[in-house]
Amino acid sequence: MLLNKELKALKKKVKAVLAEVHYKCAYAIPFYYKHNFRISAFRRDYFGEGHDAIILKLVLK
């Protein structure tokens, strides 16, 4: 509910929202998919050496 509320408020200010998820927390991806985020990138060593990130993006309409 909190995420939906924040996304609704952000619609007035930004065009897209990014979520950065540690690759070991990939179980969080279905949560973001439920809220219409989609994988947009993968960044090596984003959280430090050997700690890669999965970047999810939501385009706000």
PDB file of N, CA and C in Angstrom:
ATOM      1  N   MET A   1       0.821  -1.184   0.000  1.00  0.00           N
ATOM      2  CA  MET A   1       0.000   0.000   0.000  1.00  0.00           C
ATOM      3  C   MET A   1       0.875   1.261   0.000  1.00  0.00           C
ATOM      4  N   LEU A   2       1.969   1.195   0.768  1.00  0.00           N
ATOM      5  CA  LEU A   2       2.852   2.355   0.853  1.00  0.00           C
ATOM      6  C   LEU A   2       3.498   2.638  -0.508  1.00  0.00           C
ATOM      7  N   LEU A   3       3.942   1.579  -1.189  1.00  0.00           N
ATOM      8  CA  LEU A   3       4.556   1.777  -2.502  1.00  0.00           C
ATOM      9  C   LEU A   3       3.556   2.402  -3.470  1.00  0.00           C
ATOM     10  N   ASN A   4       2.337   1.905  -3.487  1.00  0.00           N
ATOM     11  CA  ASN A   4       1.312   2.467  -4.380  1.00  0.00           C
ATOM     12  C   ASN A   4       1.071   3.946  -4.088  1.00  0.00           C
ATOM     13  N   LYS A   5       1.033   4.295  -2.814  1.00  0.00           N
ATOM     14  CA  LYS A   5       0.820   5.680  -2.428  1.00  0.00           C
ATOM     15  C   LYS A   5       1.971   6.567  -2.912  1.00  0.00           C
ATOM     16  N   GLU A   6       3.186   6.099  -2.744  1.00  0.00           N
ATOM     17  CA  GLU A   6       4.351   6.869  -3.173  1.00  0.00           C
ATOM     18  C   GLU A   6       4.417   6.996  -4.696  1.00  0.00           C
ATOM     19  N   LEU A   7       4.104   5.918  -5.405  1.00  0.00           N
ATOM     20  CA  LEU A   7       4.126   5.969  -6.866  1.00  0.00           C
ATOM     21  C   LEU A   7       3.080   6.954  -7.381  1.00  0.00           C
ATOM     22  N   LYS A   8       1.933   6.970  -6.733  1.00  0.00           N
ATOM     23  CA  LYS A   8       0.884   7.909  -7.132  1.00  0.00           C
ATOM     24  C   LYS A   8       1.359   9.351  -6.953  1.00  0.00           C
ATOM     25  N   ALA A   9       2.034   9.641  -5.845  1.00  0.00           N
ATOM     26  CA  ALA A   9       2.554  10.983  -5.595  1.00  0.00           C
ATOM     27  C   ALA A   9       3.665  11.341  -6.580  1.00  0.00           C
ATOM     28  N   LEU A  10       4.482  10.370  -6.941  1.00  0.00           N
ATOM     29  CA  LEU A  10       5.596  10.617  -7.857  1.00  0.00           C
ATOM     30  C   LEU A  10       5.138  10.895  -9.285  1.00  0.00           C
ATOM     31  N   LYS A  11       3.974  10.385  -9.669  1.00  0.00           N
ATOM     32  CA  LYS A  11       3.465  10.593 -11.031  1.00  0.00           C
ATOM     33  C   LYS A  11       3.421  12.062 -11.409  1.00  0.00           C
ATOM     34  N   LYS A  12       3.231  12.920 -10.426  1.00  0.00           N
ATOM     35  CA  LYS A  12       3.138  14.354 -10.683  1.00  0.00           C
ATOM     36  C   LYS A  12       4.510  14.994 -10.874  1.00  0.00           C
ATOM     37  N   LYS A  13       5.584  14.267 -10.491  1.00  0.00           N
ATOM     38  CA  LYS A  13       6.908  14.882 -10.472  1.00  0.00           C
ATOM     39  C   LYS A  13       7.928  14.248 -11.414  1.00  0.00           C
ATOM     40  N   VAL A  14       7.815  12.954 -11.669  1.00  0.00           N
ATOM     41  CA  VAL A  14       8.828  12.258 -12.461  1.00  0.00           C
ATOM     42  C   VAL A  14       8.172  11.379 -13.528  1.00  0.00           C
ATOM     43  N   LYS A  15       8.967  10.982 -14.505  1.00  0.00           N
ATOM     44  CA  LYS A  15       8.456  10.147 -15.594  1.00  0.00           C
ATOM     45  C   LYS A  15       8.731   8.668 -15.386  1.00  0.00           C
ATOM     46  N   ALA A  16       9.742   8.352 -14.547  1.00  0.00           N
ATOM     47  CA  ALA A  16      10.101   6.955 -14.324  1.00  0.00           C
ATOM     48  C   ALA A  16      10.723   6.795 -12.943  1.00  0.00           C
ATOM     49  N   VAL A  17      10.640   5.567 -12.440  1.00  0.00           N
ATOM     50  CA  VAL A  17      11.203   5.226 -11.133  1.00  0.00           C
ATOM     51  C   VAL A  17      12.077   3.994 -11.319  1.00  0.00           C
ATOM     52  N   LEU A  18      13.252   3.992 -10.682  1.00  0.00           N
ATOM     53  CA  LEU A  18      14.150   2.844 -10.723  1.00  0.00           C
ATOM     54  C   LEU A  18      14.200   2.177  -9.360  1.00  0.00           C
ATOM     55  N   ALA A  19      14.324   0.856  -9.366  1.00  0.00           N
ATOM     56  CA  ALA A  19      14.548   0.087  -8.144  1.00  0.00           C
ATOM     57  C   ALA A  19      15.820  -0.719  -8.361  1.00  0.00           C
ATOM     58  N   GLU A  20      16.712  -0.671  -7.396  1.00  0.00           N
ATOM     59  CA  GLU A  20      17.980  -1.391  -7.483  1.00  0.00           C
ATOM     60  C   GLU A  20      17.935  -2.556  -6.506  1.00  0.00           C
ATOM     61  N   VAL A  21      18.089  -3.773  -7.020  1.00  0.00           N
ATOM     62  CA  VAL A  21      17.976  -4.968  -6.199  1.00  0.00           C
ATOM     63  C   VAL A  21      19.294  -5.745  -6.274  1.00  0.00           C
ATOM     64  N   HIS A  22      19.838  -6.099  -5.115  1.00  0.00           N
ATOM     65  CA  HIS A  22      21.040  -6.927  -5.069  1.00  0.00           C
ATOM     66  C   HIS A  22      20.702  -8.275  -5.688  1.00  0.00           C
ATOM     67  N   TYR A  23      21.621  -8.818  -6.466  1.00  0.00           N
ATOM     68  CA  TYR A  23      21.319 -10.060  -7.182  1.00  0.00           C
ATOM     69  C   TYR A  23      20.951 -11.198  -6.230  1.00  0.00           C
ATOM     70  N   LYS A  24      21.441 -11.178  -4.998  1.00  0.00           N
ATOM     71  CA  LYS A  24      21.095 -12.219  -4.034  1.00  0.00           C
ATOM     72  C   LYS A  24      19.683 -12.023  -3.473  1.00  0.00           C
ATOM     73  N   CYS A  25      19.082 -10.887  -3.730  1.00  0.00           N
ATOM     74  CA  CYS A  25      17.708 -10.602  -3.294  1.00  0.00           C
ATOM     75  C   CYS A  25      16.752 -10.682  -4.476  1.00  0.00           C
ATOM     76  N   ALA A  26      17.083 -11.513  -5.424  1.00  0.00           N
ATOM     77  CA  ALA A  26      16.262 -11.626  -6.633  1.00  0.00           C
ATOM     78  C   ALA A  26      14.832 -12.053  -6.318  1.00  0.00           C
ATOM     79  N   TYR A  27      14.602 -12.608  -5.145  1.00  0.00           N
ATOM     80  CA  TYR A  27      13.245 -12.981  -4.750  1.00  0.00           C
ATOM     81  C   TYR A  27      12.338 -11.753  -4.648  1.00  0.00           C
ATOM     82  N   ALA A  28      12.929 -10.540  -4.593  1.00  0.00           N
ATOM     83  CA  ALA A  28      12.143  -9.304  -4.519  1.00  0.00           C
ATOM     84  C   ALA A  28      11.576  -8.917  -5.888  1.00  0.00           C
ATOM     85  N   ILE A  29      12.125  -9.474  -6.944  1.00  0.00           N
ATOM     86  CA  ILE A  29      11.697  -9.087  -8.293  1.00  0.00           C
ATOM     87  C   ILE A  29      10.205  -9.323  -8.525  1.00  0.00           C
ATOM     88  N   PRO A  30       9.629 -10.444  -8.112  1.00  0.00           N
ATOM     89  CA  PRO A  30       8.172 -10.609  -8.304  1.00  0.00           C
ATOM     90  C   PRO A  30       7.346  -9.512  -7.632  1.00  0.00           C
ATOM     91  N   PHE A  31       7.812  -9.016  -6.495  1.00  0.00           N
ATOM     92  CA  PHE A  31       7.118  -7.901  -5.832  1.00  0.00           C
ATOM     93  C   PHE A  31       7.082  -6.689  -6.744  1.00  0.00           C
ATOM     94  N   TYR A  32       8.223  -6.351  -7.333  1.00  0.00           N
ATOM     95  CA  TYR A  32       8.279  -5.192  -8.222  1.00  0.00           C
ATOM     96  C   TYR A  32       7.490  -5.445  -9.507  1.00  0.00           C
ATOM     97  N   TYR A  33       7.531  -6.672 -10.021  1.00  0.00           N
ATOM     98  CA  TYR A  33       6.751  -7.002 -11.221  1.00  0.00           C
ATOM     99  C   TYR A  33       5.260  -6.808 -10.956  1.00  0.00           C
ATOM    100  N   LYS A  34       4.832  -7.144  -9.748  1.00  0.00           N
ATOM    101  CA  LYS A  34       3.429  -6.975  -9.375  1.00  0.00           C
ATOM    102  C   LYS A  34       3.021  -5.506  -9.483  1.00  0.00           C
ATOM    103  N   HIS A  35       3.982  -4.608  -9.320  1.00  0.00           N
ATOM    104  CA  HIS A  35       3.724  -3.173  -9.394  1.00  0.00           C
ATOM    105  C   HIS A  35       4.166  -2.580 -10.738  1.00  0.00           C
ATOM    106  N   ASN A  36       4.301  -3.438 -11.744  1.00  0.00           N
ATOM    107  CA  ASN A  36       4.580  -3.072 -13.139  1.00  0.00           C
ATOM    108  C   ASN A  36       6.003  -2.598 -13.417  1.00  0.00           C
ATOM    109  N   PHE A  37       6.937  -2.823 -12.508  1.00  0.00           N
ATOM    110  CA  PHE A  37       8.352  -2.582 -12.812  1.00  0.00           C
ATOM    111  C   PHE A  37       8.815  -3.698 -13.737  1.00  0.00           C
ATOM    112  N   ARG A  38       9.809  -3.391 -14.578  1.00  0.00           N
ATOM    113  CA  ARG A  38      10.400  -4.394 -15.453  1.00  0.00           C
ATOM    114  C   ARG A  38      11.923  -4.260 -15.403  1.00  0.00           C
ATOM    115  N   ILE A  39      12.604  -5.381 -15.582  1.00  0.00           N
ATOM    116  CA  ILE A  39      14.069  -5.355 -15.554  1.00  0.00           C
ATOM    117  C   ILE A  39      14.564  -4.506 -16.716  1.00  0.00           C
ATOM    118  N   SER A  40      15.452  -3.574 -16.409  1.00  0.00           N
ATOM    119  CA  SER A  40      15.965  -2.694 -17.458  1.00  0.00           C
ATOM    120  C   SER A  40      17.484  -2.759 -17.593  1.00  0.00           C
ATOM    121  N   ALA A  41      18.168  -3.264 -16.569  1.00  0.00           N
ATOM    122  CA  ALA A  41      19.637  -3.309 -16.645  1.00  0.00           C
ATOM    123  C   ALA A  41      20.192  -4.241 -15.580  1.00  0.00           C
ATOM    124  N   PHE A  42      21.466  -4.529 -15.739  1.00  0.00           N
ATOM    125  CA  PHE A  42      22.235  -5.320 -14.787  1.00  0.00           C
ATOM    126  C   PHE A  42      23.560  -4.592 -14.617  1.00  0.00           C
ATOM    127  N   ARG A  43      23.961  -4.316 -13.394  1.00  0.00           N
ATOM    128  CA  ARG A  43      25.206  -3.581 -13.168  1.00  0.00           C
ATOM    129  C   ARG A  43      26.143  -4.390 -12.288  1.00  0.00           C
ATOM    130  N   ARG A  44      27.319  -4.648 -12.822  1.00  0.00           N
ATOM    131  CA  ARG A  44      28.330  -5.400 -12.080  1.00  0.00           C
ATOM    132  C   ARG A  44      28.942  -4.526 -11.003  1.00  0.00           C
ATOM    133  N   ASP A  45      29.206  -5.125  -9.866  1.00  0.00           N
ATOM    134  CA  ASP A  45      29.886  -4.469  -8.747  1.00  0.00           C
ATOM    135  C   ASP A  45      29.189  -3.188  -8.286  1.00  0.00           C
ATOM    136  N   TYR A  46      27.900  -3.081  -8.477  1.00  0.00           N
ATOM    137  CA  TYR A  46      27.136  -1.876  -8.138  1.00  0.00           C
ATOM    138  C   TYR A  46      27.140  -1.616  -6.634  1.00  0.00           C
ATOM    139  N   PHE A  47      27.046  -2.679  -5.858  1.00  0.00           N
ATOM    140  CA  PHE A  47      27.031  -2.552  -4.406  1.00  0.00           C
ATOM    141  C   PHE A  47      28.393  -2.873  -3.793  1.00  0.00           C
ATOM    142  N   GLY A  48      29.420  -2.862  -4.607  1.00  0.00           N
ATOM    143  CA  GLY A  48      30.764  -3.219  -4.169  1.00  0.00           C
ATOM    144  C   GLY A  48      31.259  -4.404  -4.973  1.00  0.00           C
ATOM    145  N   GLU A  49      32.515  -4.682  -4.867  1.00  0.00           N
ATOM    146  CA  GLU A  49      33.117  -5.756  -5.658  1.00  0.00           C
ATOM    147  C   GLU A  49      32.414  -7.087  -5.392  1.00  0.00           C
ATOM    148  N   GLY A  50      31.947  -7.702  -6.470  1.00  0.00           N
ATOM    149  CA  GLY A  50      31.249  -8.980  -6.382  1.00  0.00           C
ATOM    150  C   GLY A  50      29.788  -8.883  -5.985  1.00  0.00           C
ATOM    151  N   HIS A  51      29.273  -7.678  -5.888  1.00  0.00           N
ATOM    152  CA  HIS A  51      27.877  -7.480  -5.492  1.00  0.00           C
ATOM    153  C   HIS A  51      27.135  -6.730  -6.600  1.00  0.00           C
ATOM    154  N   ASP A  52      26.580  -7.506  -7.496  1.00  0.00           N
ATOM    155  CA  ASP A  52      25.912  -6.958  -8.676  1.00  0.00           C
ATOM    156  C   ASP A  52      24.478  -6.537  -8.365  1.00  0.00           C
ATOM    157  N   ALA A  53      23.931  -5.705  -9.238  1.00  0.00           N
ATOM    158  CA  ALA A  53      22.566  -5.206  -9.057  1.00  0.00           C
ATOM    159  C   ALA A  53      21.714  -5.501 -10.281  1.00  0.00           C
ATOM    160  N   ILE A  54      20.467  -5.766 -10.020  1.00  0.00           N
ATOM    161  CA  ILE A  54      19.444  -5.863 -11.054  1.00  0.00           C
ATOM    162  C   ILE A  54      18.648  -4.575 -10.944  1.00  0.00           C
ATOM    163  N   ILE A  55      18.543  -3.855 -12.056  1.00  0.00           N
ATOM    164  CA  ILE A  55      17.846  -2.571 -12.063  1.00  0.00           C
ATOM    165  C   ILE A  55      16.472  -2.769 -12.712  1.00  0.00           C
ATOM    166  N   LEU A  56      15.447  -2.366 -11.993  1.00  0.00           N
ATOM    167  CA  LEU A  56      14.080  -2.447 -12.493  1.00  0.00           C
ATOM    168  C   LEU A  56      13.567  -1.027 -12.720  1.00  0.00           C
ATOM    169  N   LYS A  57      12.740  -0.878 -13.729  1.00  0.00           N
ATOM    170  CA  LYS A  57      12.247   0.454 -14.086  1.00  0.00           C
ATOM    171  C   LYS A  57      10.730   0.428 -14.230  1.00  0.00           C
ATOM    172  N   LEU A  58      10.109   1.492 -13.756  1.00  0.00           N
ATOM    173  CA  LEU A  58       8.678   1.696 -13.940  1.00  0.00           C
ATOM    174  C   LEU A  58       8.475   3.040 -14.603  1.00  0.00           C
ATOM    175  N   VAL A  59       7.865   3.034 -15.782  1.00  0.00           N
ATOM    176  CA  VAL A  59       7.537   4.281 -16.478  1.00  0.00           C
ATOM    177  C   VAL A  59       6.167   4.712 -15.979  1.00  0.00           C
ATOM    178  N   LEU A  60       6.098   5.904 -15.441  1.00  0.00           N
ATOM    179  CA  LEU A  60       4.844   6.433 -14.902  1.00  0.00           C
ATOM    180  C   LEU A  60       4.066   7.147 -16.004  1.00  0.00           C
ATOM    181  N   LYS A  61       2.789   6.859 -16.098  1.00  0.00           N
ATOM    182  CA  LYS A  61       1.951   7.459 -17.136  1.00  0.00           C
ATOM    183  C   LYS A  61       0.913   8.338 -16.508  1.00  0.00           C
TER     184      LYS A  61
END
